[in-house]
C-alpha atoms as a PDB file:
ATOM      1  CA  UNK A   1      21.337 -15.058 -29.225  1.00  0.00           C
ATOM      2  CA  UNK A   2      17.680 -13.991 -29.696  1.00  0.00           C
ATOM      3  CA  UNK A   3      15.985 -12.105 -26.898  1.00  0.00           C
ATOM      4  CA  UNK A   4      13.243 -13.871 -25.014  1.00  0.00           C
ATOM      5  CA  UNK A   5      10.244 -11.879 -23.906  1.00  0.00           C
ATOM      6  CA  UNK A   6       7.626 -13.073 -21.503  1.00  0.00           C
ATOM      7  CA  UNK A   7       4.141 -11.633 -21.588  1.00  0.00           C
ATOM      8  CA  UNK A   8       2.447 -11.478 -18.224  1.00  0.00           C
ATOM      9  CA  UNK A   9      -1.302 -10.982 -18.151  1.00  0.00           C
ATOM     10  CA  UNK A  10      -2.816  -8.216 -16.086  1.00  0.00           C
ATOM     11  CA  UNK A  11      -4.405  -9.522 -12.924  1.00  0.00           C
ATOM     12  CA  UNK A  12      -8.166  -9.284 -12.751  1.00  0.00           C
ATOM     13  CA  UNK A  13      -9.537  -6.332 -10.807  1.00  0.00           C
ATOM     14  CA  UNK A  14     -11.784  -8.491  -8.659  1.00  0.00           C
ATOM     15  CA  UNK A  15      -9.054 -11.007  -7.814  1.00  0.00           C
ATOM     16  CA  UNK A  16      -6.803  -8.127  -6.810  1.00  0.00           C
ATOM     17  CA  UNK A  17      -9.628  -6.662  -4.711  1.00  0.00           C
ATOM     18  CA  UNK A  18     -10.245  -9.978  -2.935  1.00  0.00           C
ATOM     19  CA  UNK A  19      -6.544 -10.254  -2.076  1.00  0.00           C
ATOM     20  CA  UNK A  20      -6.615  -6.596  -0.970  1.00  0.00           C
ATOM     21  CA  UNK A  21      -9.609  -7.336   1.264  1.00  0.00           C
ATOM     22  CA  UNK A  22      -7.760 -10.340   2.695  1.00  0.00           C
ATOM     23  CA  UNK A  23      -4.885  -8.000   3.573  1.00  0.00           C
ATOM     24  CA  UNK A  24      -7.246  -5.733   5.532  1.00  0.00           C
ATOM     25  CA  UNK A  25      -8.549  -8.782   7.443  1.00  0.00           C
ATOM     26  CA  UNK A  26      -5.032 -10.055   8.197  1.00  0.00           C
ATOM     27  CA  UNK A  27      -3.887  -6.595   9.317  1.00  0.00           C
ATOM     28  CA  UNK A  28      -6.981  -6.210  11.501  1.00  0.00           C
ATOM     29  CA  UNK A  29      -6.425  -9.566  13.174  1.00  0.00           C
ATOM     30  CA  UNK A  30      -2.773  -8.658  13.770  1.00  0.00           C
ATOM     31  CA  UNK A  31      -3.761  -5.353  15.358  1.00  0.00           C
ATOM     32  CA  UNK A  32      -6.322  -7.017  17.625  1.00  0.00           C
ATOM     33  CA  UNK A  33      -3.779  -9.617  18.726  1.00  0.00           C
ATOM     34  CA  UNK A  34      -1.177  -6.900  19.365  1.00  0.00           C
ATOM     35  CA  UNK A  35      -3.622  -4.852  21.421  1.00  0.00           C
ATOM     36  CA  UNK A  36      -4.453  -7.890  23.580  1.00  0.00           C
ATOM     37  CA  UNK A  37      -0.793  -8.797  24.124  1.00  0.00           C
ATOM     38  CA  UNK A  38       1.845  -6.439  22.671  1.00  0.00           C
ATOM     39  CA  UNK A  39       4.613  -8.976  23.339  1.00  0.00           C
ATOM     40  CA  UNK A  40       2.785 -11.803  21.559  1.00  0.00           C
ATOM     41  CA  UNK A  41       4.865 -13.737  19.042  1.00  0.00           C
ATOM     42  CA  UNK A  42       1.647 -14.693  17.260  1.00  0.00           C
ATOM     43  CA  UNK A  43       0.680 -11.024  16.875  1.00  0.00           C
ATOM     44  CA  UNK A  44       4.120 -10.215  15.465  1.00  0.00           C
ATOM     45  CA  UNK A  45       3.938 -13.166  13.058  1.00  0.00           C
ATOM     46  CA  UNK A  46       0.477 -12.163  11.824  1.00  0.00           C
ATOM     47  CA  UNK A  47       1.560  -8.537  11.397  1.00  0.00           C
ATOM     48  CA  UNK A  48       4.710  -9.514   9.500  1.00  0.00           C
ATOM     49  CA  UNK A  49       2.649 -11.906   7.367  1.00  0.00           C
ATOM     50  CA  UNK A  50       0.183  -9.111   6.668  1.00  0.00           C
ATOM     51  CA  UNK A  51       3.022  -6.834   5.638  1.00  0.00           C
ATOM     52  CA  UNK A  52       4.320  -9.437   3.190  1.00  0.00           C
ATOM     53  CA  UNK A  53       0.777  -9.919   1.893  1.00  0.00           C
ATOM     54  CA  UNK A  54       0.558  -6.136   1.316  1.00  0.00           C
ATOM     55  CA  UNK A  55       3.701  -6.282  -0.840  1.00  0.00           C
ATOM     56  CA  UNK A  56       2.012  -8.894  -3.034  1.00  0.00           C
ATOM     57  CA  UNK A  57      -1.149  -6.785  -3.279  1.00  0.00           C
ATOM     58  CA  UNK A  58       0.973  -3.724  -4.138  1.00  0.00           C
ATOM     59  CA  UNK A  59       2.621  -5.631  -6.984  1.00  0.00           C
ATOM     60  CA  UNK A  60      -0.793  -6.669  -8.324  1.00  0.00           C
ATOM     61  CA  UNK A  61      -2.095  -3.088  -8.061  1.00  0.00           C
ATOM     62  CA  UNK A  62       0.933  -1.730  -9.904  1.00  0.00           C
ATOM     63  CA  UNK A  63       0.475  -4.396 -12.581  1.00  0.00           C
ATOM     64  CA  UNK A  64      -3.240  -3.606 -12.863  1.00  0.00           C
ATOM     65  CA  UNK A  65      -2.640   0.098 -13.470  1.00  0.00           C
ATOM     66  CA  UNK A  66       0.753   0.094 -15.166  1.00  0.00           C
ATOM     67  CA  UNK A  67       4.078  -1.667 -15.376  1.00  0.00           C
ATOM     68  CA  UNK A  68       5.840  -2.348 -12.049  1.00  0.00           C
ATOM     69  CA  UNK A  69       9.153  -2.740 -13.891  1.00  0.00           C
ATOM     70  CA  UNK A  70       9.240   0.699 -15.533  1.00  0.00           C
ATOM     71  CA  UNK A  71       9.068   4.345 -14.506  1.00  0.00           C
ATOM     72  CA  UNK A  72       6.629   5.203 -11.742  1.00  0.00           C
ATOM     73  CA  UNK A  73       5.841   1.510 -11.248  1.00  0.00           C
ATOM     74  CA  UNK A  74       9.447   0.897 -10.167  1.00  0.00           C
ATOM     75  CA  UNK A  75       9.295   3.805  -7.726  1.00  0.00           C
ATOM     76  CA  UNK A  76       6.041   2.428  -6.325  1.00  0.00           C
ATOM     77  CA  UNK A  77       7.514  -1.033  -5.843  1.00  0.00           C
ATOM     78  CA  UNK A  78      10.734   0.251  -4.272  1.00  0.00           C
ATOM     79  CA  UNK A  79       8.813   2.407  -1.806  1.00  0.00           C
ATOM     80  CA  UNK A  80       6.451  -0.395  -0.825  1.00  0.00           C
ATOM     81  CA  UNK A  81       9.295  -2.903  -0.401  1.00  0.00           C
ATOM     82  CA  UNK A  82      11.218  -0.463   1.818  1.00  0.00           C
ATOM     83  CA  UNK A  83       8.051   0.172   3.838  1.00  0.00           C
ATOM     84  CA  UNK A  84       7.354  -3.548   4.186  1.00  0.00           C
ATOM     85  CA  UNK A  85      10.909  -4.300   5.316  1.00  0.00           C
ATOM     86  CA  UNK A  86      10.913  -1.491   7.886  1.00  0.00           C
ATOM     87  CA  UNK A  87       7.465  -2.395   9.190  1.00  0.00           C
ATOM     88  CA  UNK A  88       8.351  -6.097   9.408  1.00  0.00           C
ATOM     89  CA  UNK A  89      11.524  -5.275  11.332  1.00  0.00           C
ATOM     90  CA  UNK A  90       9.496  -3.029  13.628  1.00  0.00           C
ATOM     91  CA  UNK A  91       6.992  -5.806  14.356  1.00  0.00           C
ATOM     92  CA  UNK A  92       9.419  -8.753  14.443  1.00  0.00           C
ATOM     93  CA  UNK A  93      12.359  -7.163  16.267  1.00  0.00           C
ATOM     94  CA  UNK A  94      10.620  -4.399  18.152  1.00  0.00           C
ATOM     95  CA  UNK A  95      12.660  -1.668  16.486  1.00  0.00           C
ATOM     96  CA  UNK A  96      11.965   1.810  17.766  1.00  0.00           C
ATOM     97  CA  UNK A  97       9.161   4.119  16.732  1.00  0.00           C
ATOM     98  CA  UNK A  98      11.446   5.682  14.129  1.00  0.00           C
ATOM     99  CA  UNK A  99      11.347   2.511  12.005  1.00  0.00           C
ATOM    100  CA  UNK A 100       7.564   2.584  12.094  1.00  0.00           C
ATOM    101  CA  UNK A 101       7.478   6.264  11.079  1.00  0.00           C
ATOM    102  CA  UNK A 102       9.869   5.605   8.190  1.00  0.00           C
ATOM    103  CA  UNK A 103       7.686   2.669   7.107  1.00  0.00           C
ATOM    104  CA  UNK A 104       4.624   4.926   7.099  1.00  0.00           C
ATOM    105  CA  UNK A 105       6.500   7.508   5.023  1.00  0.00           C
ATOM    106  CA  UNK A 106       7.458   4.779   2.540  1.00  0.00           C
ATOM    107  CA  UNK A 107       3.841   3.616   2.335  1.00  0.00           C
ATOM    108  CA  UNK A 108       2.816   7.240   1.803  1.00  0.00           C
ATOM    109  CA  UNK A 109       5.215   7.446  -1.130  1.00  0.00           C
ATOM    110  CA  UNK A 110       3.745   4.215  -2.458  1.00  0.00           C
ATOM    111  CA  UNK A 111       0.267   5.758  -2.362  1.00  0.00           C
ATOM    112  CA  UNK A 112       1.555   8.811  -4.252  1.00  0.00           C
ATOM    113  CA  UNK A 113       3.086   6.642  -6.983  1.00  0.00           C
ATOM    114  CA  UNK A 114       0.060   4.312  -7.104  1.00  0.00           C
ATOM    115  CA  UNK A 115      -2.169   7.372  -7.397  1.00  0.00           C
ATOM    116  CA  UNK A 116      -0.157   8.549 -10.404  1.00  0.00           C
ATOM    117  CA  UNK A 117      -0.516   5.117 -12.001  1.00  0.00           C
ATOM    118  CA  UNK A 118      -4.277   5.181 -11.381  1.00  0.00           C
ATOM    119  CA  UNK A 119      -4.687   8.695 -12.817  1.00  0.00           C
ATOM    120  CA  UNK A 120      -2.562   7.909 -15.842  1.00  0.00           C
ATOM    121  CA  UNK A 121      -4.294   4.597 -16.582  1.00  0.00           C
ATOM    122  CA  UNK A 122      -7.842   6.052 -16.672  1.00  0.00           C
ATOM    123  CA  UNK A 123      -9.108   2.528 -15.874  1.00  0.00           C
ATOM    124  CA  UNK A 124     -11.032   3.801 -12.832  1.00  0.00           C
ATOM    125  CA  UNK A 125     -12.169   7.320 -11.865  1.00  0.00           C
ATOM    126  CA  UNK A 126      -9.206   9.676 -11.639  1.00  0.00           C
ATOM    127  CA  UNK A 127     -10.575  11.111  -8.378  1.00  0.00           C
ATOM    128  CA  UNK A 128      -9.524   7.880  -6.640  1.00  0.00           C
ATOM    129  CA  UNK A 129      -5.962   8.390  -7.875  1.00  0.00           C
ATOM    130  CA  UNK A 130      -5.998  12.021  -6.765  1.00  0.00           C
ATOM    131  CA  UNK A 131      -7.178  10.969  -3.281  1.00  0.00           C
ATOM    132  CA  UNK A 132      -4.301   8.470  -3.115  1.00  0.00           C
ATOM    133  CA  UNK A 133      -1.797  11.143  -4.180  1.00  0.00           C
ATOM    134  CA  UNK A 134      -3.010  13.777  -1.708  1.00  0.00           C
ATOM    135  CA  UNK A 135      -3.365  11.311   1.183  1.00  0.00           C
ATOM    136  CA  UNK A 136      -0.018   9.675   0.459  1.00  0.00           C
ATOM    137  CA  UNK A 137       1.791  13.015   0.255  1.00  0.00           C
ATOM    138  CA  UNK A 138       0.202  14.181   3.501  1.00  0.00           C
ATOM    139  CA  UNK A 139       1.135  10.971   5.303  1.00  0.00           C
ATOM    140  CA  UNK A 140       4.736  11.447   4.182  1.00  0.00           C
ATOM    141  CA  UNK A 141       5.020  14.730   6.032  1.00  0.00           C
ATOM    142  CA  UNK A 142       2.449  14.917   8.827  1.00  0.00           C
ATOM    143  CA  UNK A 143       4.519  12.665  11.113  1.00  0.00           C
ATOM    144  CA  UNK A 144       7.413  15.129  11.099  1.00  0.00           C
ATOM    145  CA  UNK A 145       7.619  17.133  14.332  1.00  0.00           C
ATOM    146  CA  UNK A 146       7.605  20.541  12.664  1.00  0.00           C
ATOM    147  CA  UNK A 147       4.494  19.884  10.527  1.00  0.00           C
ATOM    148  CA  UNK A 148       1.174  21.053  11.988  1.00  0.00           C
ATOM    149  CA  UNK A 149      -1.212  18.403  13.227  1.00  0.00           C
ATOM    150  CA  UNK A 150      -3.853  19.982  10.983  1.00  0.00           C
ATOM    151  CA  UNK A 151      -2.481  17.807   8.159  1.00  0.00           C
ATOM    152  CA  UNK A 152      -3.689  14.621   9.889  1.00  0.00           C
ATOM    153  CA  UNK A 153      -7.106  14.688   8.163  1.00  0.00           C
ATOM    154  CA  UNK A 154      -5.386  14.979   4.771  1.00  0.00           C
ATOM    155  CA  UNK A 155      -3.319  11.886   5.618  1.00  0.00           C
ATOM    156  CA  UNK A 156      -6.548  10.018   6.351  1.00  0.00           C
ATOM    157  CA  UNK A 157      -7.509  10.700   2.747  1.00  0.00           C
ATOM    158  CA  UNK A 158      -4.913   8.093   1.729  1.00  0.00           C
ATOM    159  CA  UNK A 159      -6.647   5.419   3.800  1.00  0.00           C
ATOM    160  CA  UNK A 160     -10.028   6.508   2.502  1.00  0.00           C
ATOM    161  CA  UNK A 161      -8.625   6.409  -1.032  1.00  0.00           C
ATOM    162  CA  UNK A 162      -7.383   2.872  -0.469  1.00  0.00           C
ATOM    163  CA  UNK A 163     -10.776   1.798   0.857  1.00  0.00           C
ATOM    164  CA  UNK A 164     -12.581   3.392  -2.111  1.00  0.00           C
ATOM    165  CA  UNK A 165     -10.072   1.749  -4.479  1.00  0.00           C
ATOM    166  CA  UNK A 166     -10.740  -1.633  -2.874  1.00  0.00           C
ATOM    167  CA  UNK A 167     -14.512  -1.210  -3.100  1.00  0.00           C
ATOM    168  CA  UNK A 168     -14.372   0.076  -6.677  1.00  0.00           C
ATOM    169  CA  UNK A 169     -12.258  -2.875  -7.816  1.00  0.00           C
ATOM    170  CA  UNK A 170     -14.478  -5.331  -5.962  1.00  0.00           C
ATOM    171  CA  UNK A 171     -17.815  -3.950  -7.148  1.00  0.00           C
ATOM    172  CA  UNK A 172     -17.178  -2.269 -10.500  1.00  0.00           C
ATOM    173  CA  UNK A 173     -13.816  -3.557 -11.760  1.00  0.00           C
ATOM    174  CA  UNK A 174     -11.775  -1.625 -14.317  1.00  0.00           C
ATOM    175  CA  UNK A 175     -12.302  -0.242 -17.813  1.00  0.00           C
ATOM    176  CA  UNK A 176     -10.543  -2.202 -20.502  1.00  0.00           C
END
Protein backbone atom coordinates (compact mmCIF):
# COMPACT_ATOMS: atom_id res chain seq x y z
CA UNK A 1 0.00 0.00 0.00
CA UNK A 2 1.51 3.40 -0.94
CA UNK A 3 2.32 5.83 1.83
CA UNK A 4 0.24 8.96 2.08
CA UNK A 5 1.93 12.18 3.06
CA UNK A 6 0.15 15.34 4.02
CA UNK A 7 1.84 18.69 3.62
CA UNK A 8 0.85 21.25 6.20
CA UNK A 9 1.63 24.88 5.49
CA UNK A 10 3.52 26.95 8.01
CA UNK A 11 1.25 29.33 9.86
CA UNK A 12 1.76 33.00 9.13
CA UNK A 13 3.85 34.90 11.66
CA UNK A 14 1.26 37.62 12.11
CA UNK A 15 -1.64 35.19 12.56
CA UNK A 16 0.40 33.35 15.17
CA UNK A 17 1.21 36.66 16.87
CA UNK A 18 -2.46 37.70 16.96
CA UNK A 19 -3.40 34.37 18.56
CA UNK A 20 -0.46 34.80 20.97
CA UNK A 21 -1.72 38.29 21.87
CA UNK A 22 -5.21 36.86 22.41
CA UNK A 23 -3.67 34.37 24.86
CA UNK A 24 -2.12 37.22 26.87
CA UNK A 25 -5.53 38.95 27.01
CA UNK A 26 -7.33 35.76 28.08
CA UNK A 27 -4.69 35.03 30.73
CA UNK A 28 -4.89 38.61 32.01
CA UNK A 29 -8.67 38.48 32.29
CA UNK A 30 -8.41 35.15 34.12
CA UNK A 31 -5.90 36.59 36.58
CA UNK A 32 -8.05 39.65 37.25
CA UNK A 33 -11.11 37.47 37.84
CA UNK A 34 -9.11 35.19 40.16
CA UNK A 35 -7.79 38.14 42.15
CA UNK A 36 -11.33 39.49 42.63
CA UNK A 37 -12.72 36.11 43.70
CA UNK A 38 -10.25 33.21 44.04
CA UNK A 39 -13.10 30.69 44.34
CA UNK A 40 -14.83 31.91 41.17
CA UNK A 41 -15.84 29.19 38.73
CA UNK A 42 -15.72 31.77 35.95
CA UNK A 43 -12.11 32.65 36.82
CA UNK A 44 -11.15 28.97 36.79
CA UNK A 45 -12.92 28.43 33.45
CA UNK A 46 -11.19 31.43 31.86
CA UNK A 47 -7.80 30.33 33.21
CA UNK A 48 -8.26 26.77 31.97
CA UNK A 49 -9.44 28.12 28.61
CA UNK A 50 -6.37 30.34 28.46
CA UNK A 51 -4.15 27.37 29.20
CA UNK A 52 -5.72 25.40 26.35
CA UNK A 53 -5.32 28.44 24.09
CA UNK A 54 -1.61 28.55 25.03
CA UNK A 55 -1.21 24.93 23.89
CA UNK A 56 -2.60 25.91 20.48
CA UNK A 57 -0.27 28.91 20.28
CA UNK A 58 2.67 26.68 21.29
CA UNK A 59 1.86 24.28 18.46
CA UNK A 60 1.75 27.18 15.98
CA UNK A 61 5.06 28.56 17.30
CA UNK A 62 6.73 25.16 17.00
CA UNK A 63 5.36 24.82 13.47
CA UNK A 64 6.54 28.32 12.57
CA UNK A 65 10.12 27.64 13.66
CA UNK A 66 10.45 23.91 13.05
CA UNK A 67 8.59 20.63 13.03
CA UNK A 68 6.52 19.84 16.14
CA UNK A 69 6.55 16.14 15.23
CA UNK A 70 10.33 15.66 15.17
CA UNK A 71 13.30 16.17 17.48
CA UNK A 72 13.25 19.29 19.62
CA UNK A 73 9.75 20.13 18.38
CA UNK A 74 8.42 16.95 20.02
CA UNK A 75 10.16 17.82 23.29
CA UNK A 76 8.67 21.31 23.13
CA UNK A 77 5.17 19.97 22.56
CA UNK A 78 5.43 17.33 25.29
CA UNK A 79 6.64 19.89 27.82
CA UNK A 80 3.92 22.39 26.95
CA UNK A 81 1.18 19.73 27.07
CA UNK A 82 2.38 18.54 30.49
CA UNK A 83 2.49 22.15 31.70
CA UNK A 84 -0.99 22.85 30.35
CA UNK A 85 -2.46 19.74 31.97
CA UNK A 86 -0.87 20.49 35.35
CA UNK A 87 -1.88 24.15 35.24
CA UNK A 88 -5.44 23.30 34.19
CA UNK A 89 -5.73 20.79 37.04
CA UNK A 90 -4.36 23.41 39.42
CA UNK A 91 -6.95 25.98 38.31
CA UNK A 92 -9.92 23.62 37.85
CA UNK A 93 -9.45 21.32 40.85
CA UNK A 94 -7.47 23.56 43.15
CA UNK A 95 -4.52 21.18 43.30
CA UNK A 96 -1.76 22.26 45.63
CA UNK A 97 1.03 24.71 44.91
CA UNK A 98 3.25 21.82 43.83
CA UNK A 99 1.17 21.28 40.67
CA UNK A 100 1.56 24.94 39.80
CA UNK A 101 5.34 24.80 40.35
CA UNK A 102 5.62 21.69 38.16
CA UNK A 103 3.55 23.44 35.47
CA UNK A 104 5.92 26.42 35.57
CA UNK A 105 8.91 24.08 35.25
CA UNK A 106 7.27 22.43 32.23
CA UNK A 107 6.63 25.83 30.65
CA UNK A 108 10.26 26.73 31.36
CA UNK A 109 11.35 23.62 29.48
CA UNK A 110 9.04 24.61 26.65
CA UNK A 111 10.75 28.00 26.44
CA UNK A 112 14.16 26.29 26.32
CA UNK A 113 13.07 24.03 23.46
CA UNK A 114 11.27 26.87 21.64
CA UNK A 115 14.41 28.98 22.02
CA UNK A 116 16.45 26.24 20.36
CA UNK A 117 13.96 26.08 17.50
CA UNK A 118 14.13 29.87 17.09
CA UNK A 119 17.95 29.92 17.12
CA UNK A 120 18.20 27.03 14.69
CA UNK A 121 15.61 28.44 12.28
CA UNK A 122 17.32 31.85 11.85
CA UNK A 123 13.90 33.23 10.83
CA UNK A 124 14.07 35.94 13.51
CA UNK A 125 17.04 37.35 15.47
CA UNK A 126 18.83 34.61 17.37
CA UNK A 127 19.02 36.85 20.45
CA UNK A 128 15.28 36.27 20.97
CA UNK A 129 15.89 32.51 21.01
CA UNK A 130 18.80 32.91 23.42
CA UNK A 131 16.60 34.99 25.77
CA UNK A 132 13.97 32.23 25.67
CA UNK A 133 16.59 29.57 26.44
CA UNK A 134 18.17 31.46 29.35
CA UNK A 135 14.83 32.56 30.82
CA UNK A 136 13.28 29.12 30.41
CA UNK A 137 16.25 27.38 32.02
CA UNK A 138 16.22 29.82 34.93
CA UNK A 139 12.49 29.37 35.48
CA UNK A 140 13.02 25.61 35.62
CA UNK A 141 15.29 25.90 38.63
CA UNK A 142 14.63 29.15 40.49
CA UNK A 143 11.48 27.75 42.15
CA UNK A 144 13.47 25.01 43.87
CA UNK A 145 14.04 25.74 47.56
CA UNK A 146 17.82 25.34 47.44
CA UNK A 147 18.34 27.73 44.49
CA UNK A 148 19.16 31.34 45.38
CA UNK A 149 16.48 33.94 44.80
CA UNK A 150 19.05 35.88 42.77
CA UNK A 151 18.01 33.75 39.77
CA UNK A 152 14.53 35.33 39.72
CA UNK A 153 15.59 38.14 37.34
CA UNK A 154 17.00 35.56 34.91
CA UNK A 155 13.64 33.75 34.97
CA UNK A 156 11.95 37.03 34.03
CA UNK A 157 14.06 36.97 30.88
CA UNK A 158 11.81 34.15 29.62
CA UNK A 159 8.72 36.35 29.93
CA UNK A 160 10.55 39.25 28.35
CA UNK A 161 11.68 36.93 25.56
CA UNK A 162 8.10 35.83 24.97
CA UNK A 163 6.93 39.44 24.83
CA UNK A 164 9.71 40.38 22.38
CA UNK A 165 8.88 37.29 20.30
CA UNK A 166 5.22 38.32 20.19
CA UNK A 167 6.05 41.89 19.18
CA UNK A 168 8.60 40.79 16.58
CA UNK A 169 6.13 38.39 14.96
CA UNK A 170 3.37 41.00 15.04
CA UNK A 171 5.42 43.90 13.67
CA UNK A 172 8.19 42.39 11.56
CA UNK A 173 7.17 38.79 10.81
CA UNK A 174 9.74 36.15 9.86
CA UNK A 175 12.41 35.72 7.19
CA UNK A 176 11.48 33.25 4.50
